[in-house]
Protein backbone atom coordinates (compact mmCIF):
# COMPACT_ATOMS: atom_id res chain seq x y z
CA MET A 1 40.99 66.69 -14.24
CA LYS A 2 42.69 63.72 -12.85
CA LYS A 3 42.34 60.63 -15.12
CA LEU A 4 40.72 57.56 -13.71
CA ILE A 5 42.84 54.45 -13.69
CA SER A 6 41.10 51.43 -15.22
CA ILE A 7 41.92 47.83 -15.50
CA PHE A 8 43.49 48.40 -18.87
CA LEU A 9 46.15 50.55 -17.13
CA LEU A 10 46.64 48.49 -14.12
CA VAL A 11 47.55 45.18 -15.69
CA VAL A 12 50.90 46.79 -16.42
CA ALA A 13 51.26 49.84 -14.24
CA PHE A 14 52.52 48.05 -11.21
CA SER A 15 55.61 46.85 -12.87
CA CYS A 16 56.94 50.14 -11.20
CA ILE A 17 56.72 48.65 -7.77
CA TYR A 18 60.24 47.94 -6.43
CA ALA A 19 59.71 48.15 -2.65
CA GLU A 20 62.42 46.53 -0.67
CA GLU A 21 60.04 45.46 1.88
CA ARG A 22 57.11 43.48 0.48
CA LEU A 23 54.99 40.44 1.31
CA ASN A 24 56.26 37.08 0.04
CA ALA A 25 54.09 34.64 -1.68
CA GLU A 26 53.03 32.85 1.58
CA GLU A 27 52.44 36.23 3.32
CA SER A 28 50.26 37.66 0.56
CA ASP A 29 48.18 34.67 0.17
CA PRO A 30 44.64 36.16 -0.44
CA LYS A 31 43.04 33.71 1.96
CA LYS A 32 45.28 34.80 4.73
CA MET A 33 44.77 38.50 3.74
CA GLY A 34 41.06 37.99 4.13
CA TRP A 35 40.03 40.13 1.05
CA MET A 36 36.32 40.62 0.52
CA GLU A 37 35.35 38.31 3.43
CA GLY A 38 32.37 39.16 5.59
CA PHE A 39 28.84 40.54 5.31
CA PRO A 40 29.94 43.28 4.71
CA PRO A 41 33.73 42.92 4.64
CA PRO A 42 35.77 45.30 6.90
CA ALA A 43 36.53 48.48 5.16
CA ASP A 44 40.19 47.77 4.89
CA LYS A 45 39.47 44.39 3.24
CA ILE A 46 37.32 45.71 0.46
CA LEU A 47 38.92 45.94 -3.05
CA SER A 48 37.39 48.20 -5.69
CA ALA A 49 37.79 48.86 -9.44
CA THR A 50 36.71 52.43 -8.98
CA ASN A 51 39.83 53.41 -6.93
CA GLY A 52 42.28 50.83 -8.42
CA THR A 53 42.77 48.86 -5.19
CA PHE A 54 41.57 45.70 -6.80
CA PHE A 55 44.83 45.64 -8.89
CA ASP A 56 47.18 46.88 -6.41
CA PHE A 57 49.56 44.29 -4.79
CA PRO A 58 48.74 42.25 -2.65
CA GLY A 59 45.00 42.93 -3.58
CA LEU A 60 45.66 41.68 -7.12
CA ARG A 61 46.36 38.23 -5.80
CA TYR A 62 42.66 38.11 -5.03
CA SER A 63 41.22 39.96 -7.97
CA VAL A 64 43.00 37.83 -10.59
CA ASN A 65 40.62 35.05 -9.62
CA HIS A 66 37.63 37.32 -9.45
CA MET A 67 37.67 39.79 -12.33
CA ARG A 68 34.03 39.51 -13.24
CA GLU A 69 33.18 40.71 -9.70
CA PHE A 70 34.78 43.93 -10.55
CA LEU A 71 34.18 44.56 -14.32
CA PRO A 72 31.65 43.87 -17.10
CA THR A 73 32.48 40.68 -19.04
CA LYS A 74 31.37 38.53 -22.05
CA ARG A 75 31.34 34.73 -21.84
CA VAL A 76 33.44 32.33 -23.92
CA LEU A 77 31.25 29.37 -23.95
CA ALA A 78 32.85 25.99 -23.33
CA SER A 79 31.68 22.57 -24.64
CA LYS A 80 28.42 21.44 -23.21
CA ASP A 81 28.96 17.73 -23.54
CA ASP A 82 32.00 16.54 -25.43
CA ASN A 83 34.76 17.62 -23.06
CA TYR A 84 38.37 16.49 -23.40
CA SER A 85 39.79 13.84 -21.15
CA VAL A 86 43.31 13.83 -19.91
CA LYS A 87 45.25 11.31 -17.85
CA THR A 88 47.41 12.23 -14.81
CA ARG A 89 50.58 10.64 -13.89
CA LEU A 90 52.49 12.90 -11.57
CA ASP A 91 56.28 12.94 -11.53
CA PRO A 92 57.60 13.29 -7.88
CA ASN A 93 60.98 14.57 -9.17
CA ILE A 94 59.96 17.82 -10.67
CA ASP A 95 60.04 19.86 -7.52
CA GLN A 96 63.77 18.95 -6.97
CA LEU A 97 65.00 20.02 -10.41
CA VAL A 98 67.43 22.76 -10.24
CA PHE A 99 68.62 25.55 -12.71
CA ILE A 100 70.69 28.67 -12.58
CA PRO A 101 68.58 31.89 -12.91
CA TRP A 102 69.60 34.37 -15.54
CA ASN A 103 70.24 36.99 -12.72
CA SER A 104 72.10 34.88 -10.31
CA ASP A 105 74.95 32.46 -9.86
CA GLU A 106 73.09 30.38 -7.30
CA LEU A 107 71.12 27.22 -8.07
CA MET A 108 67.37 27.48 -7.59
CA SER A 109 64.93 24.58 -7.43
CA TRP A 110 61.82 24.41 -9.54
CA GLU A 111 59.70 24.53 -6.26
CA GLU A 112 61.54 27.67 -5.14
CA SER A 113 60.88 29.35 -8.40
CA LEU A 114 57.14 28.90 -7.95
CA ALA A 115 57.16 30.96 -4.73
CA ALA A 116 59.61 33.52 -6.24
CA ASN A 117 57.23 34.27 -9.06
CA TYR A 118 54.01 34.19 -6.85
CA THR A 119 52.59 31.20 -8.74
CA ASP A 120 48.91 30.70 -8.41
CA GLY A 121 48.66 27.51 -10.38
CA ILE A 122 50.87 25.50 -12.71
CA ILE A 123 50.56 22.38 -14.96
CA ILE A 124 53.15 20.57 -16.85
CA MET A 125 51.96 18.22 -19.59
CA HIS A 126 54.27 15.61 -21.16
CA LYS A 127 53.24 13.54 -24.16
CA GLY A 128 49.54 14.51 -23.45
CA LYS A 129 49.53 13.54 -19.84
CA ILE A 130 49.57 15.80 -16.76
CA ILE A 131 52.76 15.07 -14.86
CA TYR A 132 52.66 18.06 -12.49
CA GLU A 133 49.78 20.21 -11.14
CA ARG A 134 49.86 22.46 -8.15
CA TYR A 135 47.48 25.39 -6.94
CA PHE A 136 48.36 28.19 -4.45
CA GLY A 137 46.92 31.38 -3.20
CA GLY A 138 43.20 31.86 -4.18
CA LEU A 139 43.19 29.57 -7.13
CA GLU A 140 41.29 26.31 -7.11
CA PRO A 141 41.28 23.56 -9.85
CA ASP A 142 37.94 24.65 -11.09
CA GLY A 143 38.73 28.35 -10.78
CA ILE A 144 39.03 31.10 -13.49
CA HIS A 145 42.07 33.41 -13.62
CA ALA A 146 43.01 36.38 -15.65
CA ALA A 147 45.35 35.54 -18.48
CA MET A 148 46.49 39.07 -19.14
CA SER A 149 48.54 39.23 -22.34
CA VAL A 150 48.36 35.59 -23.02
CA SER A 151 45.04 36.83 -24.40
CA LYS A 152 47.14 38.41 -27.27
CA SER A 153 48.17 34.82 -28.50
CA PHE A 154 44.50 33.73 -28.59
CA ALA A 155 43.81 36.73 -30.85
CA GLY A 156 46.77 35.89 -32.88
CA THR A 157 45.59 32.24 -33.19
CA ILE A 158 42.14 33.17 -34.27
CA ALA A 159 43.64 35.54 -37.02
CA SER A 160 45.91 32.65 -38.06
CA ILE A 161 42.97 30.28 -38.36
CA LEU A 162 41.12 32.94 -40.50
CA ILE A 163 44.31 33.27 -42.75
CA ALA A 164 44.35 29.52 -43.16
CA GLU A 165 40.76 29.48 -44.17
CA GLY A 166 41.40 32.19 -46.74
CA LYS A 167 39.28 34.80 -45.05
CA ILE A 168 42.29 37.10 -44.27
CA ASP A 169 45.18 37.91 -46.48
CA PRO A 170 48.19 38.81 -44.33
CA SER A 171 49.86 40.69 -47.15
CA ARG A 172 46.99 43.17 -47.64
CA LEU A 173 46.82 46.47 -45.90
CA ILE A 174 45.07 46.53 -42.51
CA THR A 175 42.93 49.43 -44.00
CA ASP A 176 41.63 47.26 -46.70
CA TYR A 177 39.69 45.45 -43.92
CA ILE A 178 39.27 48.44 -41.48
CA PRO A 179 38.78 51.63 -43.56
CA GLU A 180 38.09 53.44 -40.32
CA LEU A 181 41.86 53.41 -39.78
CA SER A 182 42.83 55.02 -43.22
CA GLU A 183 43.66 58.41 -41.68
CA SER A 184 45.47 56.88 -38.65
CA GLY A 185 49.06 55.84 -38.01
CA PHE A 186 48.06 52.32 -39.16
CA ALA A 187 47.63 53.42 -42.78
CA GLY A 188 50.18 51.74 -44.92
CA ALA A 189 50.80 48.75 -42.51
CA THR A 190 49.91 45.21 -43.58
CA VAL A 191 47.94 42.76 -41.61
CA GLN A 192 51.16 40.83 -40.96
CA GLU A 193 52.95 43.87 -39.57
CA VAL A 194 50.08 44.36 -37.13
CA LEU A 195 50.19 40.67 -36.14
CA ASP A 196 54.01 40.81 -35.68
CA MET A 197 53.79 44.18 -33.92
CA THR A 198 56.25 45.89 -36.27
CA THR A 199 53.86 48.87 -36.92
CA ALA A 200 55.50 52.23 -36.54
CA ILE A 201 52.70 53.53 -34.17
CA GLN A 202 53.40 56.33 -31.93
CA TYR A 203 52.12 54.81 -28.76
CA SER A 204 53.73 54.88 -25.39
CA GLU A 205 52.85 52.75 -22.26
CA ASP A 206 55.10 54.80 -20.08
CA TYR A 207 52.95 55.34 -16.90
CA ASN A 208 55.31 58.07 -15.68
CA ASN A 209 54.47 60.18 -18.69
CA PRO A 210 51.11 62.06 -18.25
CA ASN A 211 50.98 62.62 -21.97
CA ALA A 212 51.48 58.97 -22.97
CA GLU A 213 49.00 57.60 -25.41
CA ILE A 214 48.14 54.73 -22.98
CA TRP A 215 46.04 57.24 -20.94
CA GLY A 216 43.71 57.87 -23.87
CA PHE A 217 43.40 54.16 -24.68
CA ALA A 218 42.58 53.43 -21.07
CA GLU A 219 39.89 56.23 -20.74
CA SER A 220 38.25 54.99 -23.99
CA GLY A 221 37.71 51.59 -22.39
CA ASP A 222 37.06 52.69 -18.82
CA VAL A 223 33.58 51.84 -17.61
CA PHE A 224 34.07 54.08 -14.48
CA ARG A 225 35.03 57.33 -16.32
CA PRO A 226 33.30 60.52 -15.33
CA ALA A 227 29.95 61.80 -16.85
CA ASP A 228 31.71 64.73 -18.42
CA TYR A 229 34.22 62.77 -20.39
CA THR A 230 34.37 63.86 -24.05
CA GLY A 231 36.99 61.64 -25.59
CA PRO A 232 36.58 58.43 -27.64
CA LYS A 233 33.88 56.29 -26.12
CA ASP A 234 35.26 52.94 -26.92
CA TYR A 235 38.32 51.09 -28.30
CA TYR A 236 37.20 51.40 -31.86
CA GLU A 237 36.75 55.14 -31.58
CA TYR A 238 40.19 55.56 -30.04
CA LEU A 239 42.26 53.48 -32.44
CA PRO A 240 41.84 55.80 -35.49
CA THR A 241 43.24 58.68 -33.41
CA LEU A 242 46.72 57.13 -33.19
CA LYS A 243 49.63 58.65 -35.19
CA LYS A 244 52.63 57.23 -36.96
CA ILE A 245 56.17 57.67 -35.75
CA PRO A 246 57.91 60.27 -37.88
CA ASN A 247 60.69 58.90 -40.03
CA GLN A 248 60.06 55.24 -39.21
CA GLU A 249 58.42 52.82 -41.56
CA HIS A 250 56.10 49.90 -40.73
CA GLY A 251 57.87 46.59 -40.60
CA GLU A 252 61.26 47.96 -39.46
CA GLU A 253 61.34 46.98 -35.76
CA PHE A 254 59.35 45.21 -33.09
CA GLY A 255 57.49 47.29 -30.68
CA TYR A 256 55.33 45.67 -28.11
CA ARG A 257 52.05 47.70 -28.19
CA THR A 258 48.71 46.34 -27.03
CA VAL A 259 46.79 48.52 -29.54
CA ASN A 260 48.07 46.18 -32.21
CA THR A 261 46.08 43.39 -30.69
CA GLU A 262 43.09 45.57 -30.40
CA VAL A 263 43.38 46.09 -34.18
CA ILE A 264 43.45 42.36 -34.75
CA GLY A 265 40.45 41.99 -32.55
CA TRP A 266 38.64 44.49 -34.72
CA LEU A 267 39.89 42.73 -37.94
CA VAL A 268 38.63 39.34 -36.96
CA SER A 269 35.26 40.76 -35.94
CA LYS A 270 35.00 42.70 -39.26
CA VAL A 271 35.70 39.64 -41.25
CA THR A 272 33.30 37.34 -39.41
CA ASN A 273 30.78 39.77 -37.86
CA LYS A 274 31.51 38.07 -34.55
CA SER A 275 33.13 39.16 -31.28
CA ILE A 276 36.49 37.67 -30.53
CA ALA A 277 34.83 36.07 -27.49
CA ASP A 278 32.43 34.13 -29.71
CA LEU A 279 35.24 33.33 -32.13
CA VAL A 280 37.37 31.79 -29.37
CA SER A 281 34.39 29.75 -28.30
CA GLU A 282 33.42 28.61 -31.82
CA LYS A 283 36.83 27.86 -33.16
CA ILE A 284 38.84 26.72 -30.03
CA TRP A 285 36.91 26.35 -26.85
CA GLN A 286 33.99 24.22 -27.94
CA PRO A 287 35.56 22.02 -30.57
CA MET A 288 38.59 21.51 -28.06
CA GLY A 289 36.11 20.36 -25.50
CA ALA A 290 36.94 22.98 -22.86
CA VAL A 291 35.37 22.26 -19.57
CA TYR A 292 34.77 25.68 -18.08
CA ASP A 293 33.34 28.81 -19.63
CA GLY A 294 35.90 31.60 -19.86
CA TYR A 295 35.14 35.32 -20.22
CA TYR A 296 36.50 38.64 -21.64
CA GLN A 297 36.52 41.93 -19.99
CA VAL A 298 34.53 44.45 -22.11
CA ASP A 299 34.57 48.31 -22.68
CA PRO A 300 31.57 50.48 -22.36
CA ALA A 301 30.42 49.47 -25.83
CA GLY A 302 30.72 45.82 -25.02
CA ILE A 303 33.89 45.43 -27.14
CA ALA A 304 36.12 42.71 -25.63
CA TYR A 305 39.56 43.72 -24.51
CA ALA A 306 41.51 41.44 -26.97
CA GLY A 307 44.97 42.40 -25.68
CA GLY A 308 44.56 41.33 -22.08
CA GLY A 309 40.98 40.56 -21.13
CA PHE A 310 40.68 36.80 -21.34
CA ASN A 311 39.98 34.94 -18.11
CA LEU A 312 39.99 31.14 -18.22
CA ASN A 313 40.68 27.85 -16.37
CA LEU A 314 44.22 26.54 -15.92
CA ARG A 315 43.53 23.00 -17.19
CA ASP A 316 41.72 24.39 -20.22
CA MET A 317 44.67 26.68 -20.86
CA ALA A 318 47.14 23.77 -20.59
CA MET A 319 44.86 21.73 -23.13
CA PHE A 320 44.99 24.71 -25.53
CA GLY A 321 48.79 24.56 -25.27
CA GLU A 322 48.65 20.84 -25.90
CA LEU A 323 46.44 21.49 -28.94
CA MET A 324 48.97 23.88 -30.28
CA ARG A 325 51.86 21.41 -29.58
CA ASN A 326 50.05 18.72 -31.67
CA GLU A 327 49.67 21.18 -34.56
CA GLY A 328 46.10 21.74 -34.03
CA LYS A 329 44.90 18.27 -33.24
CA ILE A 330 43.30 16.61 -30.26
CA GLY A 331 43.39 12.83 -30.88
CA ARG A 332 42.50 12.48 -34.56
CA ARG A 333 40.47 15.65 -34.83
CA GLN A 334 41.99 18.65 -36.49
CA ILE A 335 40.62 21.51 -34.42
CA ILE A 336 42.98 24.38 -35.57
CA PRO A 337 44.29 24.12 -39.15
CA GLN A 338 47.80 22.76 -39.24
CA GLU A 339 48.78 25.70 -41.52
CA ALA A 340 47.75 28.16 -38.89
CA VAL A 341 49.97 26.53 -36.24
CA LYS A 342 52.94 26.15 -38.65
CA MET A 343 52.92 29.81 -39.57
CA ILE A 344 53.29 30.60 -35.83
CA GLN A 345 55.92 28.05 -35.22
CA GLU A 346 58.05 29.43 -38.12
CA GLY A 347 58.56 32.63 -36.11
CA GLY A 348 59.50 36.18 -37.07
CA ASP A 349 62.71 37.93 -37.85
CA PRO A 350 65.10 37.98 -34.88
CA GLU A 351 66.88 41.07 -36.23
CA VAL A 352 63.67 42.97 -36.47
CA PHE A 353 62.84 41.88 -32.88
CA ALA A 354 66.28 42.97 -31.60
CA LYS A 355 66.11 46.21 -33.28
CA GLY A 356 63.28 47.19 -31.01
CA GLY A 357 65.64 47.07 -28.09
CA GLU A 358 62.90 46.26 -25.59
CA TYR A 359 64.03 42.77 -24.46
CA PRO A 360 67.86 42.46 -24.26
CA LEU A 361 67.57 39.22 -22.29
CA LEU A 362 65.58 37.57 -25.06
CA ASP A 363 68.57 37.54 -27.62
CA GLY A 364 67.69 35.64 -30.75
CA TRP A 365 63.98 35.55 -29.97
CA SER A 366 61.30 36.68 -32.41
CA TYR A 367 57.57 37.41 -32.49
CA LYS A 368 54.93 35.92 -34.93
CA ASN A 369 51.15 36.32 -34.95
CA MET A 370 51.12 37.40 -31.31
CA TRP A 371 53.33 34.56 -30.11
CA TRP A 372 56.85 34.74 -28.64
CA ILE A 373 59.35 32.44 -30.37
CA THR A 374 62.32 31.41 -28.36
CA ASN A 375 65.93 30.87 -29.56
CA ASN A 376 66.49 27.42 -28.21
CA ASP A 377 66.96 24.33 -30.33
CA ASN A 378 63.81 22.67 -29.38
CA GLY A 379 61.64 25.18 -31.29
CA ALA A 380 59.95 26.35 -28.07
CA TYR A 381 57.41 29.17 -28.20
CA MET A 382 55.14 30.82 -25.74
CA ALA A 383 52.31 33.11 -24.88
CA ARG A 384 53.18 35.66 -22.00
CA GLY A 385 51.20 37.85 -19.78
CA VAL A 386 52.16 40.49 -17.11
CA HIS A 387 52.44 39.25 -13.46
CA GLY A 388 53.65 35.81 -14.67
CA GLN A 389 50.93 34.29 -16.95
CA ALA A 390 52.42 31.89 -19.48
CA ILE A 391 51.88 29.05 -21.91
CA TYR A 392 55.34 27.46 -22.81
CA ILE A 393 55.29 24.93 -25.66
CA ASP A 394 58.35 22.74 -26.31
CA PRO A 395 57.64 20.51 -29.41
CA GLU A 396 60.99 18.56 -29.12
CA ALA A 397 60.53 17.84 -25.41
CA GLU A 398 56.76 17.10 -26.06
CA MET A 399 56.02 19.40 -23.16
CA VAL A 400 53.49 22.03 -22.43
CA ILE A 401 53.68 24.29 -19.23
CA ALA A 402 50.64 26.41 -18.31
CA ARG A 403 51.06 29.01 -15.44
CA PHE A 404 48.91 31.56 -13.69
CA ALA A 405 50.58 33.97 -11.25
CA SER A 406 50.20 37.30 -9.45
CA SER A 407 53.67 38.58 -8.92
CA TYR A 408 54.14 42.05 -7.39
CA LEU A 409 56.14 42.87 -10.55
CA ALA A 410 54.27 43.09 -13.78
CA SER A 411 56.80 43.11 -16.60
CA ASN A 412 58.14 39.71 -17.74
CA LYS A 413 61.61 41.40 -17.88
CA TYR A 414 61.77 40.76 -14.17
CA ILE A 415 60.04 37.44 -14.10
CA ASP A 416 61.78 35.80 -17.04
CA PRO A 417 65.17 35.17 -15.24
CA THR A 418 63.59 32.71 -12.89
CA SER A 419 60.94 31.33 -15.29
CA ILE A 420 62.37 30.53 -18.72
CA PRO A 421 65.43 28.67 -17.41
CA ALA A 422 63.17 26.67 -15.03
CA TYR A 423 61.03 25.67 -18.05
CA GLU A 424 64.15 24.66 -20.05
CA ALA A 425 65.44 22.59 -17.09
CA VAL A 426 62.13 20.72 -17.08
CA ALA A 427 62.44 20.18 -20.77
CA GLU A 428 65.90 18.80 -20.48
CA TYR A 429 64.86 16.47 -17.60
CA LEU A 430 61.93 15.08 -19.69
CA MET A 431 64.08 14.55 -22.80
CA ASN A 432 66.75 12.69 -20.80
CA LYS A 433 64.27 10.72 -18.81
């Protein structure tokens, strides 16, 4: 029986699209495409989660702003009254800044990079003020957009908070907290190894391999699976079925596997008896004064997709980045324990990261508590999601960049060459201003 493709596959699957002829950012604008317009919409303008069209380019440029119209979700409540305030002082010089992409010898301007990466919305903050803010495609200033794997950094931050509060010991075995994993490949791994994605889990996200483990994970979370499905019924039934890689020990090398984040989502819920959606609301969104409710996509059991299911507002995401830049503070209020932010900023082991061999362009980088730590002298670190989602924090430049995008390519391997050097060019400009 042919396996149904769910959202949990599709957020990565389309990294395989390399068509020479494709619509550019302007041509694929969802407003121009006319997706889901009309009563009813024309048949060729209807996007659906049941057949996967809602996440096929260019349809994904619409759906990233409308996920809850396709899938069940759980709200992340914002603050009802004490919302943050932020000043805006736009810098007219940003668009003209130039840099050399990693994959080219030709100069590219900041403005050109936005279209190249199918940017839906982007904010630059400097010293707590918004100095750049633009929206494209289907995203509006009050809109909600899929954050994809930026969600992982929210999960890692929640775990870091609980570590700082003494509720989780990162040196203990993950099975001490989740005994249901005792017979799985996670047995013997510490909490820290799960957080740093150095578990030796046999788990492939190769969509060209019909036997890859990703298919089982996807079906366990698929709300549209057939009635005769007999496999794991939710994420937490699926995770114990994973095996360990033979002859490899936990902690030896970095391996980017979304299932690690699902384990962390399970861990924080076990410790607190609360869903990760409620924890993000309680420990970040409400005390930060977020303006807009966010939401998580959920599986058939109502379990939030911790590794890629958070959807939120761009300004709220930028303010979360600013909260991290200020080591957990907004004004004089300590929202996130400083210790939690510090342990993320310290980074992981670059040698362990490099040994994984997955990201040769990110030489000298590391990974810590579900955050990506760069190799630059400014101590920059970031959250990253497929199709171009990002939070880039540069403490030395006192800068935060938050971006939503809907590139036809999913993997950041193809987006980084025109993104990271662009971020670094803005940081250099602000430091020399």
